[in-house]
Amino acid sequence: MRRRGIGRSVMRTAATTAVVVGTAHAVGGAMDSHAANKQAAQQAQYDSQQQAADAQAQLQQQQYEMQQMQAQMQQMQAAQQAPQPAYAAPAAAPSSGGLSSDDVAKLKQLADLHTAGALSDAEFASAKAAILG
């Protein structure tokens, strides 16, 4: 009889061990799953923060470029609005009779054409010399 009692005791121990091992395996799997889910959530949060930081950096870069373009435009506008050098009316050539008002009007007209770029320096000088005599 002793053999039967020992056999049952061994069977109970084996069954208990199997239950404990099965439970440990189930609990370990659940813990692994929980850890994997937690890691995935942390990675998603990190990715989201990285995307937000990238978007912020891109926005700042665009704002900087816009400011640079605006500064260039202002410089160009200021250069266009700067007064252009005007030619002074030519001094009257010393002569016995002086210049007539018609000659002065012609010289002013020549100076305006030269300032506007319609006459080259050589053309202006030639026409002026013809008027002044």
N, C-alpha and C. Protein backbone atom coordinates (compact mmCIF):
# COMPACT_ATOMS: atom_id res chain seq x y z
N MET A 1 0.77 -1.18 0.00
CA MET A 1 0.00 0.00 0.00
C MET A 1 0.84 1.27 0.00
N ARG A 2 1.85 1.15 0.51
CA ARG A 2 2.67 2.35 0.53
C ARG A 2 2.99 2.82 -0.87
N ARG A 3 3.14 1.96 -1.75
CA ARG A 3 3.49 2.37 -3.10
C ARG A 3 2.37 3.22 -3.71
N ARG A 4 1.17 2.83 -3.46
CA ARG A 4 0.08 3.61 -4.03
C ARG A 4 0.04 5.00 -3.40
N GLY A 5 0.27 5.16 -2.19
CA GLY A 5 0.27 6.45 -1.51
C GLY A 5 1.40 7.33 -2.01
N ILE A 6 2.51 6.73 -2.29
CA ILE A 6 3.64 7.49 -2.80
C ILE A 6 3.34 7.94 -4.23
N GLY A 7 2.72 7.10 -5.00
CA GLY A 7 2.41 7.43 -6.38
C GLY A 7 1.43 8.59 -6.47
N ARG A 8 0.46 8.54 -5.56
CA ARG A 8 -0.51 9.64 -5.57
C ARG A 8 0.15 10.93 -5.11
N SER A 9 1.01 10.86 -4.22
CA SER A 9 1.72 12.03 -3.72
C SER A 9 2.59 12.64 -4.83
N VAL A 10 3.22 11.77 -5.57
CA VAL A 10 4.04 12.24 -6.69
C VAL A 10 3.14 12.87 -7.75
N MET A 11 1.99 12.26 -7.98
CA MET A 11 1.06 12.78 -8.97
C MET A 11 0.53 14.16 -8.54
N ARG A 12 0.24 14.29 -7.26
CA ARG A 12 -0.24 15.58 -6.78
C ARG A 12 0.85 16.63 -6.92
N THR A 13 2.04 16.29 -6.59
CA THR A 13 3.15 17.23 -6.70
C THR A 13 3.36 17.63 -8.16
N ALA A 14 3.28 16.66 -9.05
CA ALA A 14 3.46 16.95 -10.48
C ALA A 14 2.32 17.84 -10.99
N ALA A 15 1.09 17.55 -10.55
CA ALA A 15 -0.04 18.36 -10.98
C ALA A 15 0.08 19.78 -10.43
N THR A 16 0.46 19.91 -9.19
CA THR A 16 0.64 21.23 -8.59
C THR A 16 1.72 22.01 -9.31
N THR A 17 2.81 21.32 -9.60
CA THR A 17 3.91 21.97 -10.33
C THR A 17 3.44 22.43 -11.70
N ALA A 18 2.67 21.63 -12.40
CA ALA A 18 2.17 21.99 -13.73
C ALA A 18 1.27 23.23 -13.64
N VAL A 19 0.42 23.28 -12.62
CA VAL A 19 -0.46 24.43 -12.46
C VAL A 19 0.37 25.68 -12.17
N VAL A 20 1.36 25.57 -11.31
CA VAL A 20 2.20 26.71 -10.96
C VAL A 20 2.97 27.19 -12.19
N VAL A 21 3.53 26.26 -12.94
CA VAL A 21 4.28 26.63 -14.15
C VAL A 21 3.35 27.28 -15.18
N GLY A 22 2.18 26.73 -15.36
CA GLY A 22 1.23 27.31 -16.31
C GLY A 22 0.82 28.71 -15.91
N THR A 23 0.56 28.90 -14.62
CA THR A 23 0.19 30.23 -14.12
C THR A 23 1.34 31.22 -14.31
N ALA A 24 2.53 30.79 -13.99
CA ALA A 24 3.70 31.67 -14.15
C ALA A 24 3.89 32.06 -15.62
N HIS A 25 3.68 31.08 -16.51
CA HIS A 25 3.81 31.35 -17.93
C HIS A 25 2.74 32.36 -18.39
N ALA A 26 1.53 32.21 -17.94
CA ALA A 26 0.45 33.12 -18.32
C ALA A 26 0.71 34.53 -17.78
N VAL A 27 1.13 34.60 -16.51
CA VAL A 27 1.41 35.90 -15.91
C VAL A 27 2.60 36.55 -16.61
N GLY A 28 3.64 35.80 -16.94
CA GLY A 28 4.82 36.33 -17.63
C GLY A 28 4.45 36.85 -19.01
N GLY A 29 3.60 36.15 -19.72
CA GLY A 29 3.16 36.60 -21.04
C GLY A 29 2.38 37.90 -20.94
N ALA A 30 1.53 38.00 -19.93
CA ALA A 30 0.76 39.23 -19.74
C ALA A 30 1.68 40.40 -19.41
N MET A 31 2.70 40.13 -18.61
CA MET A 31 3.65 41.19 -18.26
C MET A 31 4.45 41.62 -19.49
N ASP A 32 4.85 40.64 -20.32
CA ASP A 32 5.58 40.97 -21.55
C ASP A 32 4.69 41.82 -22.47
N SER A 33 3.44 41.46 -22.58
CA SER A 33 2.50 42.20 -23.42
C SER A 33 2.32 43.61 -22.90
N HIS A 34 2.18 43.74 -21.59
CA HIS A 34 2.02 45.06 -20.97
C HIS A 34 3.27 45.91 -21.23
N ALA A 35 4.45 45.33 -21.07
CA ALA A 35 5.69 46.07 -21.30
C ALA A 35 5.80 46.51 -22.76
N ALA A 36 5.40 45.63 -23.67
CA ALA A 36 5.46 45.98 -25.10
C ALA A 36 4.48 47.11 -25.41
N ASN A 37 3.30 47.06 -24.83
CA ASN A 37 2.31 48.13 -25.04
C ASN A 37 2.82 49.46 -24.48
N LYS A 38 3.43 49.41 -23.31
CA LYS A 38 3.96 50.61 -22.69
C LYS A 38 5.08 51.21 -23.54
N GLN A 39 5.95 50.35 -24.06
CA GLN A 39 7.05 50.82 -24.90
C GLN A 39 6.51 51.44 -26.20
N ALA A 40 5.49 50.82 -26.78
CA ALA A 40 4.89 51.36 -28.01
C ALA A 40 4.26 52.72 -27.74
N ALA A 41 3.61 52.88 -26.60
CA ALA A 41 3.00 54.16 -26.25
C ALA A 41 4.07 55.24 -26.06
N GLN A 42 5.17 54.88 -25.41
CA GLN A 42 6.26 55.83 -25.22
C GLN A 42 6.87 56.24 -26.56
N GLN A 43 7.04 55.27 -27.46
CA GLN A 43 7.60 55.57 -28.78
C GLN A 43 6.66 56.49 -29.56
N ALA A 44 5.37 56.23 -29.47
CA ALA A 44 4.40 57.09 -30.17
C ALA A 44 4.44 58.51 -29.62
N GLN A 45 4.57 58.65 -28.30
CA GLN A 45 4.66 59.97 -27.69
C GLN A 45 5.93 60.68 -28.14
N TYR A 46 7.05 59.97 -28.18
CA TYR A 46 8.31 60.54 -28.64
C TYR A 46 8.20 60.99 -30.09
N ASP A 47 7.61 60.14 -30.94
CA ASP A 47 7.44 60.49 -32.35
C ASP A 47 6.59 61.74 -32.50
N SER A 48 5.53 61.84 -31.71
CA SER A 48 4.65 63.00 -31.76
C SER A 48 5.40 64.27 -31.35
N GLN A 49 6.19 64.19 -30.30
CA GLN A 49 6.97 65.34 -29.85
C GLN A 49 8.00 65.74 -30.90
N GLN A 50 8.62 64.75 -31.54
CA GLN A 50 9.62 65.03 -32.57
C GLN A 50 8.98 65.73 -33.77
N GLN A 51 7.80 65.28 -34.15
CA GLN A 51 7.09 65.91 -35.27
C GLN A 51 6.74 67.36 -34.93
N ALA A 52 6.32 67.59 -33.71
CA ALA A 52 5.98 68.96 -33.29
C ALA A 52 7.22 69.84 -33.31
N ALA A 53 8.35 69.32 -32.84
CA ALA A 53 9.60 70.09 -32.84
C ALA A 53 10.05 70.38 -34.27
N ASP A 54 9.92 69.41 -35.17
CA ASP A 54 10.30 69.60 -36.57
C ASP A 54 9.42 70.67 -37.22
N ALA A 55 8.12 70.62 -36.94
CA ALA A 55 7.20 71.60 -37.50
C ALA A 55 7.53 73.00 -36.99
N GLN A 56 7.87 73.11 -35.71
CA GLN A 56 8.23 74.40 -35.12
C GLN A 56 9.50 74.95 -35.77
N ALA A 57 10.49 74.09 -35.97
CA ALA A 57 11.75 74.52 -36.60
C ALA A 57 11.51 74.97 -38.03
N GLN A 58 10.66 74.26 -38.75
CA GLN A 58 10.36 74.63 -40.13
C GLN A 58 9.64 75.99 -40.17
N LEU A 59 8.73 76.21 -39.25
CA LEU A 59 8.01 77.48 -39.19
C LEU A 59 8.98 78.63 -38.90
N GLN A 60 9.90 78.42 -37.98
CA GLN A 60 10.87 79.45 -37.66
C GLN A 60 11.76 79.76 -38.86
N GLN A 61 12.16 78.73 -39.60
CA GLN A 61 12.98 78.92 -40.79
C GLN A 61 12.22 79.74 -41.83
N GLN A 62 10.94 79.43 -42.03
CA GLN A 62 10.14 80.16 -42.99
C GLN A 62 9.97 81.63 -42.57
N GLN A 63 9.78 81.86 -41.28
CA GLN A 63 9.64 83.23 -40.79
C GLN A 63 10.94 84.01 -41.00
N TYR A 64 12.07 83.36 -40.76
CA TYR A 64 13.36 84.02 -40.96
C TYR A 64 13.55 84.39 -42.43
N GLU A 65 13.23 83.45 -43.33
CA GLU A 65 13.37 83.71 -44.76
C GLU A 65 12.43 84.84 -45.19
N MET A 66 11.23 84.88 -44.64
CA MET A 66 10.28 85.93 -44.98
C MET A 66 10.82 87.28 -44.53
N GLN A 67 11.40 87.35 -43.35
CA GLN A 67 11.97 88.60 -42.86
C GLN A 67 13.12 89.07 -43.76
N GLN A 68 13.94 88.12 -44.20
CA GLN A 68 15.05 88.47 -45.09
C GLN A 68 14.53 89.04 -46.41
N MET A 69 13.49 88.41 -46.95
CA MET A 69 12.92 88.87 -48.21
C MET A 69 12.30 90.26 -48.05
N GLN A 70 11.63 90.50 -46.93
CA GLN A 70 11.03 91.81 -46.68
C GLN A 70 12.10 92.88 -46.56
N ALA A 71 13.21 92.55 -45.90
CA ALA A 71 14.31 93.51 -45.77
C ALA A 71 14.89 93.84 -47.14
N GLN A 72 15.05 92.83 -47.99
CA GLN A 72 15.56 93.07 -49.34
C GLN A 72 14.60 93.94 -50.14
N MET A 73 13.31 93.68 -50.01
CA MET A 73 12.31 94.48 -50.73
C MET A 73 12.36 95.93 -50.27
N GLN A 74 12.50 96.15 -48.97
CA GLN A 74 12.56 97.51 -48.45
C GLN A 74 13.80 98.23 -48.97
N GLN A 75 14.92 97.51 -49.04
CA GLN A 75 16.14 98.11 -49.57
C GLN A 75 15.96 98.49 -51.04
N MET A 76 15.33 97.61 -51.80
CA MET A 76 15.11 97.89 -53.22
C MET A 76 14.18 99.09 -53.39
N GLN A 77 13.12 99.17 -52.58
CA GLN A 77 12.20 100.29 -52.66
C GLN A 77 12.88 101.60 -52.28
N ALA A 78 13.72 101.55 -51.27
CA ALA A 78 14.44 102.75 -50.84
C ALA A 78 15.39 103.22 -51.95
N ALA A 79 16.02 102.26 -52.62
CA ALA A 79 16.95 102.62 -53.70
C ALA A 79 16.18 103.24 -54.87
N GLN A 80 14.98 102.75 -55.14
CA GLN A 80 14.18 103.30 -56.23
C GLN A 80 13.65 104.69 -55.89
N GLN A 81 13.38 104.93 -54.62
CA GLN A 81 12.80 106.20 -54.20
C GLN A 81 13.87 107.26 -53.94
N ALA A 82 15.13 106.87 -53.92
CA ALA A 82 16.20 107.84 -53.67
C ALA A 82 16.22 108.86 -54.80
N PRO A 83 16.43 110.11 -54.45
CA PRO A 83 16.42 111.14 -55.50
C PRO A 83 17.56 110.90 -56.48
N GLN A 84 17.24 111.03 -57.75
CA GLN A 84 18.24 110.88 -58.80
C GLN A 84 18.99 112.20 -58.92
N PRO A 85 20.29 112.12 -59.17
CA PRO A 85 21.05 113.37 -59.28
C PRO A 85 20.56 114.17 -60.50
N ALA A 86 20.27 115.39 -60.26
CA ALA A 86 19.81 116.27 -61.34
C ALA A 86 20.99 117.08 -61.86
N TYR A 87 20.96 117.33 -63.14
CA TYR A 87 22.03 118.13 -63.73
C TYR A 87 21.69 119.60 -63.51
N ALA A 88 22.69 120.32 -63.12
CA ALA A 88 22.50 121.75 -62.91
C ALA A 88 22.45 122.44 -64.26
N ALA A 89 21.73 123.49 -64.32
CA ALA A 89 21.68 124.25 -65.57
C ALA A 89 23.07 124.75 -65.89
N PRO A 90 23.46 124.62 -67.14
CA PRO A 90 24.82 125.04 -67.49
C PRO A 90 24.99 126.55 -67.28
N ALA A 91 26.15 126.87 -66.86
CA ALA A 91 26.44 128.29 -66.63
C ALA A 91 26.53 129.00 -67.98
N ALA A 92 26.15 130.22 -67.96
CA ALA A 92 26.19 131.00 -69.20
C ALA A 92 27.62 131.23 -69.63
N ALA A 93 27.86 131.00 -70.89
CA ALA A 93 29.21 131.23 -71.42
C ALA A 93 29.44 132.73 -71.52
N PRO A 94 30.61 133.10 -71.15
CA PRO A 94 30.87 134.54 -71.25
C PRO A 94 30.89 134.97 -72.72
N SER A 95 30.03 135.84 -73.01
CA SER A 95 30.01 136.39 -74.37
C SER A 95 29.53 137.82 -74.28
N SER A 96 29.68 138.47 -75.34
CA SER A 96 29.31 139.88 -75.32
C SER A 96 27.81 140.07 -75.20
N GLY A 97 27.03 139.18 -75.83
CA GLY A 97 25.59 139.37 -75.83
C GLY A 97 24.89 138.56 -74.77
N GLY A 98 25.51 137.52 -74.15
CA GLY A 98 24.85 136.65 -73.19
C GLY A 98 23.93 135.66 -73.88
N LEU A 99 23.20 134.88 -73.11
CA LEU A 99 22.28 133.87 -73.66
C LEU A 99 20.87 134.43 -73.70
N SER A 100 20.20 134.06 -74.75
CA SER A 100 18.80 134.47 -74.82
C SER A 100 17.96 133.51 -73.99
N SER A 101 16.76 133.89 -73.68
CA SER A 101 15.88 133.01 -72.91
C SER A 101 15.55 131.76 -73.71
N ASP A 102 15.56 131.86 -75.01
CA ASP A 102 15.32 130.70 -75.88
C ASP A 102 16.48 129.70 -75.75
N ASP A 103 17.72 130.23 -75.71
CA ASP A 103 18.89 129.35 -75.55
C ASP A 103 18.87 128.66 -74.18
N VAL A 104 18.50 129.38 -73.16
CA VAL A 104 18.42 128.80 -71.82
C VAL A 104 17.37 127.70 -71.79
N ALA A 105 16.23 127.91 -72.44
CA ALA A 105 15.17 126.90 -72.49
C ALA A 105 15.66 125.65 -73.22
N LYS A 106 16.42 125.86 -74.32
CA LYS A 106 16.97 124.71 -75.07
C LYS A 106 17.97 123.94 -74.22
N LEU A 107 18.80 124.64 -73.48
CA LEU A 107 19.78 123.96 -72.61
C LEU A 107 19.08 123.16 -71.52
N LYS A 108 18.03 123.73 -70.94
CA LYS A 108 17.27 123.00 -69.91
C LYS A 108 16.63 121.74 -70.50
N GLN A 109 16.11 121.89 -71.71
CA GLN A 109 15.48 120.74 -72.38
C GLN A 109 16.53 119.66 -72.66
N LEU A 110 17.71 120.07 -73.12
CA LEU A 110 18.80 119.10 -73.36
C LEU A 110 19.21 118.41 -72.06
N ALA A 111 19.30 119.16 -70.97
CA ALA A 111 19.68 118.59 -69.68
C ALA A 111 18.64 117.56 -69.22
N ASP A 112 17.36 117.89 -69.43
CA ASP A 112 16.29 116.94 -69.06
C ASP A 112 16.37 115.67 -69.88
N LEU A 113 16.62 115.82 -71.19
CA LEU A 113 16.75 114.63 -72.05
C LEU A 113 17.96 113.78 -71.65
N HIS A 114 19.04 114.45 -71.29
CA HIS A 114 20.24 113.73 -70.86
C HIS A 114 20.00 113.00 -69.55
N THR A 115 19.31 113.64 -68.61
CA THR A 115 18.99 113.03 -67.32
C THR A 115 18.08 111.82 -67.51
N ALA A 116 17.14 111.93 -68.45
CA ALA A 116 16.22 110.82 -68.70
C ALA A 116 16.89 109.68 -69.44
N GLY A 117 18.08 109.91 -69.96
CA GLY A 117 18.80 108.85 -70.66
C GLY A 117 18.54 108.84 -72.15
N ALA A 118 17.84 109.84 -72.65
CA ALA A 118 17.54 109.89 -74.08
C ALA A 118 18.75 110.36 -74.88
N LEU A 119 19.67 111.08 -74.23
CA LEU A 119 20.88 111.55 -74.90
C LEU A 119 22.11 110.98 -74.20
N SER A 120 23.09 110.57 -74.98
CA SER A 120 24.34 110.11 -74.39
C SER A 120 25.15 111.33 -73.97
N ASP A 121 26.23 111.08 -73.25
CA ASP A 121 27.09 112.19 -72.83
C ASP A 121 27.65 112.95 -74.05
N ALA A 122 28.04 112.20 -75.06
CA ALA A 122 28.62 112.83 -76.25
C ALA A 122 27.58 113.67 -76.98
N GLU A 123 26.35 113.13 -77.11
CA GLU A 123 25.28 113.88 -77.78
C GLU A 123 24.94 115.16 -77.01
N PHE A 124 24.88 115.03 -75.69
CA PHE A 124 24.57 116.18 -74.86
C PHE A 124 25.65 117.26 -75.02
N ALA A 125 26.92 116.85 -74.96
CA ALA A 125 28.01 117.81 -75.09
C ALA A 125 28.00 118.50 -76.45
N SER A 126 27.71 117.73 -77.49
CA SER A 126 27.68 118.30 -78.84
C SER A 126 26.55 119.31 -78.99
N ALA A 127 25.36 118.97 -78.52
CA ALA A 127 24.22 119.87 -78.63
C ALA A 127 24.42 121.11 -77.79
N LYS A 128 25.01 120.95 -76.61
CA LYS A 128 25.27 122.08 -75.73
C LYS A 128 26.28 123.03 -76.39
N ALA A 129 27.30 122.47 -76.99
CA ALA A 129 28.31 123.31 -77.65
C ALA A 129 27.69 124.07 -78.82
N ALA A 130 26.75 123.42 -79.51
CA ALA A 130 26.10 124.10 -80.64
C ALA A 130 25.26 125.29 -80.16
N ILE A 131 24.60 125.13 -79.01
CA ILE A 131 23.78 126.21 -78.49
C ILE A 131 24.64 127.35 -77.97
N LEU A 132 25.70 126.97 -77.28
CA LEU A 132 26.55 127.98 -76.67
C LEU A 132 27.42 128.68 -77.71
N GLY A 133 27.54 128.08 -78.86
CA GLY A 133 28.21 128.74 -79.97
C GLY A 133 29.62 128.45 -80.04
